[in-house]
Amino acid sequence: MSNPPVGPPPAGFPPYPSYPPPGWSPVPADPLIATDFGGWFNRLFGVVRRSFWRLSLITLIAGGIMGLVVGTGIAASSAAGAFHPDTAPGSTTAYTVDTVGSVIMMLCILVAVLAAMVGQGASIHLAVTDAAGRHATIADALRVGLRRVLPLAGWTLLTGVVAILGFFLLVIPGIYLMTVFNASLACVVVIERTDATRCFDLISGRFWATLGRLLLGWLVTQMIPYVAIIPVALLGGLVSSISPGVAGTIAWSVTSVVMVAAFIFPYFVLSTAITVVTYAELRGHDDRFTSVQTLADELARP
């Protein structure tokens, strides 16, 4: 953690209470930057309360593009005759895919991954600007995601490979690297526009606290979506049992779609909240000048 700043606050810095004189300290009520575990947990659900529907819309857009691209790739490969019965003696595979089909599918998967990265960058932008009280449209957020998509995709791929190698060499280095990168990589690339080495600076002296927060966040993202789909599943089962036949089938089909949505949207919104709040806490410990307005200003840089 940096030493407490002294002297008058910089221009435009909020009138924080004294730290003691002649310095100052961060506002305890900053909507993103926590000072303890309870604050981290409260700010996590603060992001959910403020931005749930808009983050869900970004998830829907990115997910829709991913599904459309992959579906188009499968259809195009099939139309080109890329999938054909496997007639090799003794083969247990029903179909094989030729080179054309493989290339088409790889390209479609690449586009789908880039769409996911755009969605992640847009979600981070939206969560921060909403917390700062600044109005940002979905289009604004998507434009930020598009501008940072290649660095985000590249660093995500590279750090993922490095973390996997850490698991193969020794488990503990893999856990360390996964914690370092999951805690701040996406926000470092999108907000600070720098590289993965910055993640190591941010987590210095905060590894165990950050690991604990990420583990709790993982449990929350696993639990809450399942809790959300239980009443939907029970209602769908009740309707389909009361109205058998076509009506019951339609009711269960609609229920299945709602169940998928009830799982996907809370999962991705919570994941975004965990990413942003964990990173913001690390920034606050790294530099006492940091506030939610600081992060929003960095996102607004041309």
Protein backbone atom coordinates (compact mmCIF):
# COMPACT_ATOMS: atom_id res chain seq x y z
CA MET A 1 0.00 0.00 0.00
CA SER A 2 1.28 3.48 -0.78
CA ASN A 3 1.95 6.03 1.97
CA PRO A 4 -0.87 8.45 2.86
CA PRO A 5 -0.75 11.48 0.56
CA VAL A 6 0.01 14.86 2.08
CA GLY A 7 -0.71 18.40 1.06
CA PRO A 8 -3.81 19.74 -0.68
CA PRO A 9 -5.82 17.34 -2.86
CA PRO A 10 -5.21 17.53 -6.61
CA ALA A 11 -7.55 19.55 -8.78
CA GLY A 12 -10.96 17.94 -9.04
CA PHE A 13 -10.28 15.47 -6.23
CA PRO A 14 -13.32 15.05 -3.96
CA PRO A 15 -13.21 16.82 -0.57
CA TYR A 16 -12.27 13.76 1.46
CA PRO A 17 -12.05 13.89 5.25
CA SER A 18 -8.62 14.40 6.79
CA TYR A 19 -6.34 11.41 7.10
CA PRO A 20 -4.94 12.98 9.65
CA PRO A 21 -3.85 16.49 8.68
CA PRO A 22 -2.32 17.50 6.42
CA GLY A 23 -3.42 14.49 4.35
CA TRP A 24 -6.74 12.89 3.45
CA SER A 25 -8.25 9.42 2.98
CA PRO A 26 -10.67 7.80 0.52
CA VAL A 27 -14.38 8.27 1.06
CA PRO A 28 -15.64 5.17 2.92
CA ALA A 29 -18.79 5.19 0.81
CA ASP A 30 -17.03 4.87 -2.55
CA PRO A 31 -19.40 2.62 -4.53
CA LEU A 32 -16.63 0.39 -5.88
CA ILE A 33 -13.55 0.62 -3.68
CA ALA A 34 -13.86 -1.41 -0.50
CA THR A 35 -11.64 -1.14 2.56
CA ASP A 36 -12.53 -4.50 4.13
CA PHE A 37 -14.19 -7.82 3.38
CA GLY A 38 -17.69 -6.65 4.33
CA GLY A 39 -17.32 -3.63 2.07
CA TRP A 40 -16.22 -5.85 -0.81
CA PHE A 41 -19.29 -8.04 -0.40
CA ASN A 42 -21.67 -5.06 -0.19
CA ARG A 43 -20.18 -3.40 -3.25
CA LEU A 44 -20.46 -6.67 -5.17
CA PHE A 45 -24.23 -6.63 -4.81
CA GLY A 46 -24.25 -2.88 -5.30
CA VAL A 47 -23.03 -3.45 -8.85
CA VAL A 48 -25.75 -6.07 -9.32
CA ARG A 49 -28.48 -3.74 -8.05
CA ARG A 50 -27.38 -0.79 -10.19
CA SER A 51 -26.57 -2.53 -13.44
CA PHE A 52 -28.28 -5.93 -13.56
CA TRP A 53 -30.62 -5.28 -16.47
CA ARG A 54 -28.12 -3.39 -18.61
CA LEU A 55 -25.41 -5.96 -18.00
CA SER A 56 -27.94 -8.66 -18.86
CA LEU A 57 -28.65 -6.88 -22.13
CA ILE A 58 -24.94 -6.87 -23.01
CA THR A 59 -24.81 -10.57 -22.13
CA LEU A 60 -27.79 -11.18 -24.41
CA ILE A 61 -26.19 -9.27 -27.29
CA ALA A 62 -22.80 -10.97 -26.97
CA GLY A 63 -24.36 -14.40 -26.40
CA GLY A 64 -26.72 -13.95 -29.32
CA ILE A 65 -23.83 -13.07 -31.63
CA MET A 66 -21.85 -16.07 -30.39
CA GLY A 67 -24.77 -18.44 -30.94
CA LEU A 68 -25.51 -16.97 -34.36
CA VAL A 69 -21.90 -17.23 -35.49
CA VAL A 70 -21.43 -20.81 -34.30
CA GLY A 71 -24.79 -21.86 -35.74
CA THR A 72 -23.93 -20.23 -39.04
CA GLY A 73 -20.60 -22.02 -39.08
CA ILE A 74 -22.24 -25.39 -38.54
CA ALA A 75 -24.83 -24.69 -41.21
CA ALA A 76 -22.21 -23.45 -43.68
CA SER A 77 -20.00 -26.47 -43.08
CA SER A 78 -22.92 -28.81 -43.58
CA ALA A 79 -24.03 -27.04 -46.76
CA ALA A 80 -20.51 -27.32 -48.14
CA GLY A 81 -20.53 -31.05 -47.52
CA ALA A 82 -17.91 -30.74 -44.83
CA PHE A 83 -19.63 -33.32 -42.63
CA HIS A 84 -19.87 -36.76 -44.16
CA PRO A 85 -20.32 -40.31 -42.87
CA ASP A 86 -17.16 -41.97 -41.60
CA THR A 87 -16.79 -45.15 -43.62
CA ALA A 88 -13.34 -46.11 -42.34
CA PRO A 89 -13.21 -49.78 -41.27
CA GLY A 90 -13.61 -50.21 -37.52
CA SER A 91 -14.33 -46.51 -36.93
CA THR A 92 -16.69 -45.64 -34.06
CA THR A 93 -17.23 -42.05 -35.28
CA ALA A 94 -20.50 -41.41 -37.09
CA TYR A 95 -19.21 -38.41 -39.06
CA THR A 96 -15.92 -36.84 -39.98
CA VAL A 97 -15.15 -33.22 -40.80
CA ASP A 98 -12.93 -32.35 -43.73
CA THR A 99 -10.42 -29.50 -43.90
CA VAL A 100 -12.94 -26.96 -45.21
CA GLY A 101 -15.33 -27.70 -42.37
CA SER A 102 -12.53 -27.48 -39.81
CA VAL A 103 -11.38 -24.08 -41.11
CA ILE A 104 -14.93 -22.71 -41.15
CA MET A 105 -15.61 -23.88 -37.61
CA MET A 106 -12.30 -22.54 -36.29
CA LEU A 107 -13.01 -19.13 -37.80
CA CYS A 108 -16.50 -19.11 -36.33
CA ILE A 109 -15.20 -20.09 -32.91
CA LEU A 110 -12.60 -17.31 -33.13
CA VAL A 111 -15.31 -14.74 -33.94
CA ALA A 112 -17.44 -16.09 -31.08
CA VAL A 113 -14.54 -15.72 -28.64
CA LEU A 114 -13.96 -12.15 -29.81
CA ALA A 115 -17.66 -11.42 -29.29
CA ALA A 116 -17.33 -12.71 -25.72
CA MET A 117 -14.33 -10.41 -25.18
CA VAL A 118 -16.29 -7.43 -26.51
CA GLY A 119 -19.07 -8.29 -24.08
CA GLN A 120 -16.64 -8.48 -21.18
CA GLY A 121 -15.05 -5.14 -21.98
CA ALA A 122 -18.47 -3.51 -22.45
CA SER A 123 -19.69 -4.96 -19.14
CA ILE A 124 -16.70 -3.56 -17.25
CA HIS A 125 -17.26 -0.13 -18.80
CA LEU A 126 -20.94 -0.16 -17.89
CA ALA A 127 -20.41 -1.34 -14.30
CA VAL A 128 -17.84 1.40 -13.64
CA THR A 129 -19.73 4.26 -15.28
CA ASP A 130 -22.99 3.29 -13.58
CA ALA A 131 -21.20 3.28 -10.22
CA ALA A 132 -19.72 6.71 -11.00
CA GLY A 133 -23.17 8.09 -11.76
CA ARG A 134 -22.30 8.80 -15.38
CA HIS A 135 -24.73 7.90 -18.11
CA ALA A 136 -23.29 5.52 -20.68
CA THR A 137 -25.42 3.89 -23.34
CA ILE A 138 -25.16 0.26 -24.34
CA ALA A 139 -23.65 1.48 -27.63
CA ASP A 140 -20.98 3.45 -25.72
CA ALA A 141 -20.07 0.36 -23.72
CA LEU A 142 -19.91 -1.85 -26.80
CA ARG A 143 -17.63 0.65 -28.54
CA VAL A 144 -15.21 0.47 -25.61
CA GLY A 145 -15.38 -3.33 -25.78
CA LEU A 146 -14.60 -3.22 -29.49
CA ARG A 147 -11.62 -0.92 -29.00
CA ARG A 148 -10.07 -3.22 -26.39
CA VAL A 149 -11.09 -6.59 -27.84
CA LEU A 150 -7.75 -7.56 -29.41
CA PRO A 151 -5.55 -6.71 -26.37
CA LEU A 152 -8.07 -8.37 -24.05
CA ALA A 153 -8.31 -11.52 -26.15
CA GLY A 154 -4.53 -11.71 -26.58
CA TRP A 155 -3.68 -11.25 -22.93
CA THR A 156 -6.46 -13.61 -21.82
CA LEU A 157 -5.11 -16.32 -24.11
CA LEU A 158 -1.49 -15.77 -23.09
CA THR A 159 -2.14 -15.66 -19.34
CA GLY A 160 -4.44 -18.67 -19.60
CA VAL A 161 -1.65 -20.69 -21.20
CA VAL A 162 0.85 -19.50 -18.57
CA ALA A 163 -1.51 -20.42 -15.72
CA ILE A 164 -2.15 -23.88 -17.19
CA LEU A 165 1.60 -24.45 -17.48
CA GLY A 166 1.87 -23.46 -13.83
CA PHE A 167 -0.62 -26.16 -12.91
CA PHE A 168 1.27 -28.75 -14.93
CA LEU A 169 4.65 -27.83 -13.43
CA LEU A 170 3.47 -27.44 -9.86
CA VAL A 171 -0.08 -26.86 -8.64
CA ILE A 172 0.78 -23.94 -6.36
CA PRO A 173 2.22 -21.68 -9.12
CA GLY A 174 -0.92 -22.35 -11.14
CA ILE A 175 -3.16 -21.29 -8.25
CA TYR A 176 -1.05 -18.17 -7.73
CA LEU A 177 -1.18 -17.17 -11.39
CA MET A 178 -4.91 -17.86 -11.70
CA THR A 179 -5.54 -15.64 -8.67
CA VAL A 180 -3.33 -12.85 -9.99
CA PHE A 181 -4.90 -12.77 -13.43
CA ASN A 182 -8.52 -13.40 -12.44
CA ALA A 183 -8.34 -10.59 -9.90
CA SER A 184 -7.44 -7.79 -12.28
CA LEU A 185 -6.38 -8.73 -15.84
CA ALA A 186 -9.59 -7.77 -17.65
CA CYS A 187 -9.86 -4.41 -15.85
CA VAL A 188 -6.14 -3.70 -16.25
CA VAL A 189 -6.45 -4.15 -20.03
CA VAL A 190 -9.79 -2.33 -20.41
CA ILE A 191 -9.42 0.49 -17.88
CA GLU A 192 -5.68 1.10 -17.52
CA ARG A 193 -4.82 -0.04 -21.07
CA THR A 194 -1.65 -1.72 -19.95
CA ASP A 195 -0.36 -5.30 -19.84
CA ALA A 196 -0.51 -8.32 -17.53
CA THR A 197 2.61 -7.35 -15.56
CA ARG A 198 0.51 -4.68 -13.86
CA CYS A 199 -1.54 -7.47 -12.22
CA PHE A 200 1.47 -8.51 -10.15
CA ASP A 201 1.94 -4.95 -8.87
CA LEU A 202 -1.69 -4.68 -7.82
CA ILE A 203 -1.84 -7.94 -5.88
CA SER A 204 1.41 -7.30 -3.99
CA GLY A 205 0.66 -7.76 -0.29
CA ARG A 206 -2.97 -8.65 -1.03
CA PHE A 207 -2.75 -12.22 -2.35
CA TRP A 208 -4.48 -14.11 0.45
CA ALA A 209 -7.23 -11.55 0.89
CA THR A 210 -7.83 -11.56 -2.86
CA LEU A 211 -7.82 -15.35 -3.07
CA GLY A 212 -10.44 -15.51 -0.33
CA ARG A 213 -12.65 -13.00 -2.14
CA LEU A 214 -12.37 -14.85 -5.44
CA LEU A 215 -13.22 -18.17 -3.80
CA LEU A 216 -16.29 -16.65 -2.16
CA GLY A 217 -17.22 -15.02 -5.45
CA TRP A 218 -16.95 -18.38 -7.20
CA LEU A 219 -19.28 -19.96 -4.62
CA VAL A 220 -21.77 -17.12 -5.05
CA THR A 221 -21.77 -17.41 -8.85
CA GLN A 222 -22.39 -21.15 -8.54
CA MET A 223 -25.13 -20.90 -5.93
CA ILE A 224 -27.32 -17.94 -6.87
CA PRO A 225 -28.10 -18.96 -10.50
CA TYR A 226 -29.20 -22.39 -9.29
CA VAL A 227 -31.37 -20.78 -6.61
CA ALA A 228 -32.92 -18.61 -9.34
CA ILE A 229 -33.91 -21.55 -11.55
CA ILE A 230 -35.43 -23.73 -8.81
CA PRO A 231 -38.80 -21.90 -8.58
CA VAL A 232 -38.97 -21.68 -12.38
CA ALA A 233 -38.36 -25.41 -12.71
CA LEU A 234 -40.99 -26.22 -10.07
CA LEU A 235 -43.55 -23.97 -11.76
CA GLY A 236 -42.84 -25.49 -15.17
CA GLY A 237 -43.16 -29.01 -13.82
CA LEU A 238 -46.46 -28.13 -12.12
CA VAL A 239 -47.92 -26.57 -15.28
CA SER A 240 -46.85 -29.45 -17.50
CA SER A 241 -48.33 -31.99 -15.07
CA ILE A 242 -51.64 -30.14 -14.85
CA SER A 243 -51.85 -29.64 -18.64
CA PRO A 244 -50.51 -32.77 -20.34
CA GLY A 245 -50.21 -33.02 -24.10
CA VAL A 246 -49.37 -30.14 -26.40
CA ALA A 247 -50.08 -27.43 -23.82
CA GLY A 248 -47.83 -29.13 -21.29
CA THR A 249 -45.07 -29.55 -23.85
CA ILE A 250 -45.24 -25.87 -24.79
CA ALA A 251 -45.26 -24.85 -21.14
CA TRP A 252 -42.21 -26.99 -20.40
CA SER A 253 -40.38 -25.65 -23.49
CA VAL A 254 -41.00 -22.07 -22.38
CA THR A 255 -39.94 -22.96 -18.86
CA SER A 256 -36.71 -24.49 -20.14
CA VAL A 257 -35.83 -21.26 -21.96
CA VAL A 258 -36.60 -19.23 -18.84
CA MET A 259 -34.49 -21.60 -16.73
CA VAL A 260 -31.51 -21.12 -19.03
CA ALA A 261 -31.94 -17.34 -18.87
CA ALA A 262 -32.33 -17.46 -15.07
CA PHE A 263 -28.98 -19.24 -14.87
CA ILE A 264 -26.97 -17.39 -17.52
CA PHE A 265 -27.80 -13.77 -16.71
CA PRO A 266 -27.15 -13.88 -12.93
CA TYR A 267 -23.96 -15.86 -13.57
CA PHE A 268 -22.43 -13.36 -15.97
CA VAL A 269 -23.64 -10.28 -14.09
CA LEU A 270 -22.15 -11.61 -10.85
CA SER A 271 -18.91 -12.48 -12.65
CA THR A 272 -18.63 -8.90 -13.92
CA ALA A 273 -19.35 -7.51 -10.45
CA ILE A 274 -16.68 -9.71 -8.86
CA THR A 275 -14.13 -8.69 -11.49
CA VAL A 276 -14.78 -4.94 -11.14
CA VAL A 277 -15.07 -4.78 -7.34
CA THR A 278 -12.00 -6.94 -6.72
CA TYR A 279 -9.93 -4.85 -9.12
CA ALA A 280 -11.23 -1.59 -7.63
CA GLU A 281 -10.24 -2.71 -4.13
CA LEU A 282 -6.73 -3.54 -5.33
CA ARG A 283 -6.48 -0.12 -7.00
CA GLY A 284 -7.59 1.56 -3.78
CA HIS A 285 -4.88 -0.21 -1.80
CA ASP A 286 -2.30 0.56 -4.47
CA ASP A 287 -3.08 4.30 -4.57
CA ARG A 288 -5.16 6.26 -2.07
CA PHE A 289 -5.96 8.82 -4.74
CA THR A 290 -8.09 6.25 -6.58
CA SER A 291 -11.86 6.57 -6.55
CA VAL A 292 -14.67 5.39 -8.80
CA GLN A 293 -14.37 8.73 -10.60
CA THR A 294 -10.70 7.96 -11.29
CA LEU A 295 -11.65 4.69 -12.97
CA ALA A 296 -14.42 6.36 -14.97
CA ASP A 297 -12.02 9.07 -16.12
CA GLU A 298 -9.54 6.46 -17.31
CA LEU A 299 -12.26 4.71 -19.28
CA ALA A 300 -13.24 8.02 -20.86
CA ARG A 301 -9.77 8.70 -22.23
CA PRO A 302 -9.82 9.01 -26.04
